[in-house]
Amino acid sequence: MQLMTNDHVLIDSLGHRLSGGPGALRAAWAGYFGMVPDYQIKAKAIFAQGNSVIIVGVASGCYLPSTNMESLGTWETPGAWRAVVRRGRVAEWQVYADNEPIRELMRHASTRRV
């Protein structure tokens, strides 16, 4: 959170924009890291020009539907991430990735509870 500007904008892979200050973003990230506690990005290439940085690589993690359940498996997908940096802090973070691998685990979880 200390690396984000106060007016930080998160843009997910579907193009949804989340802003609203540090509280809203903290809640969003806490929810995501609760669901994917070992989320990681393995960068294959990093490009920077001006105040923009592009990361190309692979995202992966396990899927934990709730804190009282075990992981339902791991997923991995290629992706790219764009950061806009202002005064040493991230003002915008945009994700370009196919979320189908984690969605498949989510579908499995919903049929498993029935």
N, C-alpha and C. Protein backbone atom coordinates (compact mmCIF):
# COMPACT_ATOMS: atom_id res chain seq x y z
N MET A 1 0.82 -1.19 0.00
CA MET A 1 0.00 0.00 0.00
C MET A 1 0.87 1.26 0.00
N GLN A 2 2.03 1.17 0.61
CA GLN A 2 2.91 2.33 0.66
C GLN A 2 3.49 2.69 -0.70
N LEU A 3 3.42 1.75 -1.63
CA LEU A 3 3.96 2.00 -2.97
C LEU A 3 2.92 2.61 -3.91
N MET A 4 1.67 2.76 -3.45
CA MET A 4 0.60 3.30 -4.29
C MET A 4 0.34 4.77 -3.97
N THR A 5 -0.02 5.52 -5.02
CA THR A 5 -0.45 6.89 -4.79
C THR A 5 -1.83 6.88 -4.13
N ASN A 6 -2.21 7.98 -3.52
CA ASN A 6 -3.52 8.07 -2.87
C ASN A 6 -4.67 7.99 -3.87
N ASP A 7 -4.41 8.34 -5.13
CA ASP A 7 -5.45 8.26 -6.16
C ASP A 7 -5.20 7.08 -7.11
N HIS A 8 -4.56 6.05 -6.61
CA HIS A 8 -4.22 4.85 -7.38
C HIS A 8 -5.46 4.27 -8.06
N VAL A 9 -5.26 3.75 -9.27
CA VAL A 9 -6.32 3.09 -10.03
C VAL A 9 -5.84 1.68 -10.39
N LEU A 10 -6.66 0.69 -10.10
CA LEU A 10 -6.40 -0.69 -10.47
C LEU A 10 -7.36 -1.04 -11.60
N ILE A 11 -6.83 -1.58 -12.70
CA ILE A 11 -7.66 -1.98 -13.84
C ILE A 11 -7.45 -3.48 -14.04
N ASP A 12 -8.53 -4.25 -13.86
CA ASP A 12 -8.38 -5.71 -13.96
C ASP A 12 -8.40 -6.14 -15.42
N SER A 13 -8.27 -7.44 -15.63
CA SER A 13 -8.14 -7.97 -16.99
C SER A 13 -9.43 -7.84 -17.81
N LEU A 14 -10.54 -7.52 -17.16
CA LEU A 14 -11.79 -7.28 -17.88
C LEU A 14 -12.01 -5.80 -18.16
N GLY A 15 -11.08 -4.96 -17.71
CA GLY A 15 -11.19 -3.53 -17.93
C GLY A 15 -11.91 -2.78 -16.83
N HIS A 16 -12.31 -3.48 -15.77
CA HIS A 16 -12.97 -2.81 -14.64
C HIS A 16 -11.96 -1.95 -13.89
N ARG A 17 -12.35 -0.73 -13.59
CA ARG A 17 -11.48 0.22 -12.89
C ARG A 17 -11.90 0.29 -11.42
N LEU A 18 -10.94 0.14 -10.54
CA LEU A 18 -11.19 0.27 -9.11
C LEU A 18 -10.34 1.40 -8.58
N SER A 19 -10.98 2.36 -7.97
CA SER A 19 -10.28 3.44 -7.30
C SER A 19 -11.06 3.69 -6.01
N GLY A 20 -10.89 4.82 -5.42
CA GLY A 20 -11.65 5.10 -4.21
C GLY A 20 -10.76 5.26 -3.00
N GLY A 21 -9.50 5.39 -3.25
CA GLY A 21 -8.58 5.63 -2.15
C GLY A 21 -8.00 4.38 -1.56
N PRO A 22 -7.07 4.56 -0.62
CA PRO A 22 -6.33 3.44 -0.04
C PRO A 22 -7.21 2.39 0.64
N GLY A 23 -8.29 2.79 1.29
CA GLY A 23 -9.16 1.83 1.98
C GLY A 23 -9.80 0.83 1.04
N ALA A 24 -10.35 1.34 -0.06
CA ALA A 24 -11.00 0.47 -1.05
C ALA A 24 -9.98 -0.47 -1.69
N LEU A 25 -8.81 0.05 -2.00
CA LEU A 25 -7.79 -0.79 -2.63
C LEU A 25 -7.23 -1.82 -1.66
N ARG A 26 -7.06 -1.43 -0.42
CA ARG A 26 -6.59 -2.39 0.59
C ARG A 26 -7.58 -3.55 0.70
N ALA A 27 -8.87 -3.24 0.73
CA ALA A 27 -9.89 -4.29 0.82
C ALA A 27 -9.86 -5.19 -0.41
N ALA A 28 -9.71 -4.59 -1.59
CA ALA A 28 -9.66 -5.38 -2.83
C ALA A 28 -8.46 -6.32 -2.84
N TRP A 29 -7.29 -5.79 -2.51
CA TRP A 29 -6.08 -6.62 -2.50
C TRP A 29 -6.15 -7.69 -1.40
N ALA A 30 -6.68 -7.33 -0.23
CA ALA A 30 -6.81 -8.32 0.86
C ALA A 30 -7.72 -9.46 0.43
N GLY A 31 -8.81 -9.13 -0.26
CA GLY A 31 -9.71 -10.17 -0.75
C GLY A 31 -9.03 -11.07 -1.76
N TYR A 32 -8.28 -10.48 -2.68
CA TYR A 32 -7.61 -11.27 -3.69
C TYR A 32 -6.52 -12.15 -3.08
N PHE A 33 -5.70 -11.58 -2.20
CA PHE A 33 -4.63 -12.37 -1.59
C PHE A 33 -5.17 -13.40 -0.60
N GLY A 34 -6.39 -13.20 -0.09
CA GLY A 34 -7.03 -14.24 0.71
C GLY A 34 -7.42 -15.43 -0.15
N MET A 35 -7.84 -15.15 -1.38
CA MET A 35 -8.25 -16.19 -2.32
C MET A 35 -7.05 -16.85 -3.00
N VAL A 36 -5.99 -16.08 -3.23
CA VAL A 36 -4.78 -16.57 -3.88
C VAL A 36 -3.58 -16.16 -3.01
N PRO A 37 -3.39 -16.85 -1.87
CA PRO A 37 -2.39 -16.39 -0.90
C PRO A 37 -0.94 -16.45 -1.38
N ASP A 38 -0.67 -17.26 -2.37
CA ASP A 38 0.71 -17.38 -2.87
C ASP A 38 0.86 -16.79 -4.28
N TYR A 39 0.02 -15.83 -4.61
CA TYR A 39 0.06 -15.19 -5.92
C TYR A 39 1.47 -14.70 -6.23
N GLN A 40 1.89 -14.95 -7.45
CA GLN A 40 3.20 -14.45 -7.84
C GLN A 40 3.23 -14.15 -9.33
N ILE A 41 4.08 -13.23 -9.67
CA ILE A 41 4.35 -12.88 -11.06
C ILE A 41 5.81 -13.22 -11.33
N LYS A 42 6.03 -14.03 -12.34
CA LYS A 42 7.40 -14.32 -12.79
C LYS A 42 7.63 -13.51 -14.05
N ALA A 43 8.43 -12.48 -13.92
CA ALA A 43 8.69 -11.59 -15.05
C ALA A 43 9.66 -12.25 -16.03
N LYS A 44 9.29 -12.22 -17.30
CA LYS A 44 10.17 -12.70 -18.37
C LYS A 44 10.87 -11.52 -19.04
N ALA A 45 10.19 -10.36 -19.05
CA ALA A 45 10.77 -9.14 -19.64
C ALA A 45 10.13 -7.94 -18.98
N ILE A 46 10.92 -6.88 -18.84
CA ILE A 46 10.43 -5.63 -18.27
C ILE A 46 10.89 -4.50 -19.19
N PHE A 47 9.94 -3.66 -19.57
CA PHE A 47 10.23 -2.53 -20.45
C PHE A 47 9.80 -1.25 -19.75
N ALA A 48 10.61 -0.22 -19.82
CA ALA A 48 10.26 1.06 -19.21
C ALA A 48 10.51 2.19 -20.18
N GLN A 49 9.59 3.11 -20.20
CA GLN A 49 9.75 4.32 -21.00
C GLN A 49 8.99 5.44 -20.29
N GLY A 50 9.70 6.50 -19.98
CA GLY A 50 9.08 7.60 -19.26
C GLY A 50 8.58 7.12 -17.91
N ASN A 51 7.30 7.36 -17.64
CA ASN A 51 6.75 6.93 -16.35
C ASN A 51 5.95 5.63 -16.45
N SER A 52 6.08 4.91 -17.57
CA SER A 52 5.36 3.65 -17.76
C SER A 52 6.31 2.46 -17.73
N VAL A 53 5.84 1.39 -17.11
CA VAL A 53 6.60 0.14 -17.04
C VAL A 53 5.67 -0.98 -17.50
N ILE A 54 6.18 -1.84 -18.37
CA ILE A 54 5.44 -3.02 -18.82
C ILE A 54 6.20 -4.25 -18.36
N ILE A 55 5.47 -5.17 -17.75
CA ILE A 55 6.03 -6.45 -17.32
C ILE A 55 5.33 -7.54 -18.12
N VAL A 56 6.09 -8.44 -18.70
CA VAL A 56 5.55 -9.57 -19.44
C VAL A 56 6.03 -10.83 -18.74
N GLY A 57 5.12 -11.75 -18.48
CA GLY A 57 5.53 -12.96 -17.78
C GLY A 57 4.39 -13.91 -17.53
N VAL A 58 4.44 -14.55 -16.38
CA VAL A 58 3.47 -15.58 -16.01
C VAL A 58 3.00 -15.30 -14.58
N ALA A 59 1.68 -15.38 -14.38
CA ALA A 59 1.11 -15.28 -13.04
C ALA A 59 0.68 -16.67 -12.60
N SER A 60 0.78 -16.94 -11.30
CA SER A 60 0.37 -18.25 -10.81
C SER A 60 0.00 -18.15 -9.33
N GLY A 61 -0.61 -19.21 -8.86
CA GLY A 61 -0.96 -19.30 -7.45
C GLY A 61 -1.89 -20.47 -7.22
N CYS A 62 -2.28 -20.65 -5.99
CA CYS A 62 -3.28 -21.65 -5.66
C CYS A 62 -4.62 -20.94 -5.50
N TYR A 63 -5.71 -21.70 -5.48
CA TYR A 63 -7.02 -21.11 -5.28
C TYR A 63 -7.58 -21.63 -3.96
N LEU A 64 -7.85 -20.72 -3.07
CA LEU A 64 -8.37 -21.03 -1.74
C LEU A 64 -9.74 -20.37 -1.63
N PRO A 65 -10.84 -21.13 -1.83
CA PRO A 65 -12.16 -20.51 -1.86
C PRO A 65 -12.55 -19.81 -0.56
N SER A 66 -12.10 -20.32 0.56
CA SER A 66 -12.34 -19.65 1.84
C SER A 66 -11.25 -20.08 2.81
N THR A 67 -11.13 -19.31 3.89
CA THR A 67 -10.04 -19.57 4.83
C THR A 67 -10.20 -20.91 5.55
N ASN A 68 -11.41 -21.49 5.57
CA ASN A 68 -11.59 -22.77 6.25
C ASN A 68 -11.56 -23.96 5.29
N MET A 69 -11.08 -23.74 4.08
CA MET A 69 -10.96 -24.82 3.10
C MET A 69 -9.51 -24.96 2.66
N GLU A 70 -9.19 -26.14 2.17
CA GLU A 70 -7.86 -26.34 1.60
C GLU A 70 -7.85 -25.82 0.16
N SER A 71 -6.66 -25.63 -0.36
CA SER A 71 -6.51 -25.19 -1.75
C SER A 71 -7.16 -26.20 -2.68
N LEU A 72 -7.81 -25.71 -3.71
CA LEU A 72 -8.43 -26.59 -4.70
C LEU A 72 -7.55 -26.79 -5.92
N GLY A 73 -6.32 -26.37 -5.82
CA GLY A 73 -5.39 -26.57 -6.92
C GLY A 73 -4.65 -25.30 -7.25
N THR A 74 -3.73 -25.44 -8.19
CA THR A 74 -2.94 -24.28 -8.61
C THR A 74 -3.29 -23.93 -10.05
N TRP A 75 -2.99 -22.72 -10.42
CA TRP A 75 -3.24 -22.24 -11.77
C TRP A 75 -2.03 -21.43 -12.22
N GLU A 76 -1.95 -21.26 -13.53
CA GLU A 76 -0.87 -20.47 -14.12
C GLU A 76 -1.38 -19.92 -15.44
N THR A 77 -1.03 -18.69 -15.74
CA THR A 77 -1.45 -18.08 -16.99
C THR A 77 -0.44 -17.03 -17.44
N PRO A 78 -0.22 -16.90 -18.74
CA PRO A 78 0.64 -15.81 -19.21
C PRO A 78 -0.08 -14.48 -19.00
N GLY A 79 0.69 -13.44 -18.84
CA GLY A 79 0.08 -12.14 -18.63
C GLY A 79 1.05 -11.01 -18.87
N ALA A 80 0.49 -9.82 -18.83
CA ALA A 80 1.28 -8.60 -18.91
C ALA A 80 0.68 -7.61 -17.92
N TRP A 81 1.50 -6.75 -17.39
CA TRP A 81 1.08 -5.78 -16.39
C TRP A 81 1.68 -4.44 -16.77
N ARG A 82 0.87 -3.40 -16.62
CA ARG A 82 1.33 -2.05 -16.93
C ARG A 82 1.23 -1.21 -15.67
N ALA A 83 2.31 -0.54 -15.34
CA ALA A 83 2.32 0.37 -14.19
C ALA A 83 2.65 1.77 -14.69
N VAL A 84 1.93 2.73 -14.15
CA VAL A 84 2.24 4.13 -14.37
C VAL A 84 2.77 4.66 -13.04
N VAL A 85 3.98 5.18 -13.06
CA VAL A 85 4.65 5.61 -11.84
C VAL A 85 4.67 7.13 -11.78
N ARG A 86 4.31 7.64 -10.61
CA ARG A 86 4.34 9.08 -10.39
C ARG A 86 5.06 9.36 -9.07
N ARG A 87 6.15 10.10 -9.14
CA ARG A 87 6.96 10.45 -7.96
C ARG A 87 7.34 9.21 -7.14
N GLY A 88 7.74 8.16 -7.83
CA GLY A 88 8.23 6.97 -7.17
C GLY A 88 7.15 6.04 -6.63
N ARG A 89 5.89 6.32 -6.93
CA ARG A 89 4.79 5.48 -6.45
C ARG A 89 3.91 5.06 -7.63
N VAL A 90 3.24 3.93 -7.50
CA VAL A 90 2.41 3.40 -8.58
C VAL A 90 1.06 4.12 -8.57
N ALA A 91 0.77 4.84 -9.65
CA ALA A 91 -0.49 5.56 -9.78
C ALA A 91 -1.56 4.70 -10.47
N GLU A 92 -1.09 3.78 -11.35
CA GLU A 92 -2.03 2.93 -12.07
C GLU A 92 -1.41 1.56 -12.27
N TRP A 93 -2.20 0.52 -12.05
CA TRP A 93 -1.76 -0.86 -12.26
C TRP A 93 -2.82 -1.54 -13.11
N GLN A 94 -2.42 -2.03 -14.29
CA GLN A 94 -3.37 -2.67 -15.19
C GLN A 94 -2.90 -4.08 -15.50
N VAL A 95 -3.86 -4.99 -15.48
CA VAL A 95 -3.59 -6.41 -15.70
C VAL A 95 -4.14 -6.82 -17.06
N TYR A 96 -3.31 -7.55 -17.82
CA TYR A 96 -3.73 -8.16 -19.08
C TYR A 96 -3.44 -9.65 -18.94
N ALA A 97 -4.47 -10.44 -18.68
CA ALA A 97 -4.25 -11.89 -18.48
C ALA A 97 -5.54 -12.64 -18.76
N ASP A 98 -5.40 -13.87 -19.13
CA ASP A 98 -6.54 -14.77 -19.31
C ASP A 98 -6.80 -15.43 -17.95
N ASN A 99 -7.93 -15.12 -17.35
CA ASN A 99 -8.25 -15.66 -16.02
C ASN A 99 -8.94 -17.01 -16.06
N GLU A 100 -9.04 -17.63 -17.23
CA GLU A 100 -9.74 -18.90 -17.34
C GLU A 100 -9.16 -19.99 -16.42
N PRO A 101 -7.84 -20.09 -16.23
CA PRO A 101 -7.33 -21.14 -15.35
C PRO A 101 -7.88 -21.05 -13.91
N ILE A 102 -7.97 -19.86 -13.34
CA ILE A 102 -8.52 -19.76 -11.98
C ILE A 102 -10.04 -19.88 -12.00
N ARG A 103 -10.68 -19.42 -13.07
CA ARG A 103 -12.13 -19.57 -13.18
C ARG A 103 -12.52 -21.05 -13.20
N GLU A 104 -11.70 -21.87 -13.85
CA GLU A 104 -11.97 -23.31 -13.87
C GLU A 104 -11.94 -23.89 -12.46
N LEU A 105 -10.97 -23.47 -11.65
CA LEU A 105 -10.92 -23.91 -10.26
C LEU A 105 -12.13 -23.39 -9.48
N MET A 106 -12.57 -22.19 -9.76
CA MET A 106 -13.76 -21.63 -9.09
C MET A 106 -15.01 -22.43 -9.45
N ARG A 107 -15.16 -22.79 -10.71
CA ARG A 107 -16.31 -23.61 -11.12
C ARG A 107 -16.28 -24.95 -10.41
N HIS A 108 -15.10 -25.53 -10.31
CA HIS A 108 -14.95 -26.81 -9.61
C HIS A 108 -15.37 -26.66 -8.15
N ALA A 109 -15.00 -25.56 -7.53
CA ALA A 109 -15.35 -25.32 -6.12
C ALA A 109 -16.85 -25.19 -5.96
N SER A 110 -17.53 -24.52 -6.90
CA SER A 110 -18.98 -24.33 -6.76
C SER A 110 -19.73 -25.63 -6.93
N THR A 111 -19.26 -26.55 -7.77
CA THR A 111 -19.91 -27.85 -7.92
C THR A 111 -19.57 -28.77 -6.77
N ARG A 112 -18.45 -28.55 -6.15
CA ARG A 112 -18.00 -29.39 -5.04
C ARG A 112 -18.83 -29.16 -3.79
N ARG A 113 -19.32 -27.93 -3.59
CA ARG A 113 -20.09 -27.59 -2.39
C ARG A 113 -21.53 -28.07 -2.47
N VAL A 114 -22.01 -28.41 -3.68
CA VAL A 114 -23.41 -28.79 -3.85
C VAL A 114 -23.66 -30.14 -3.27
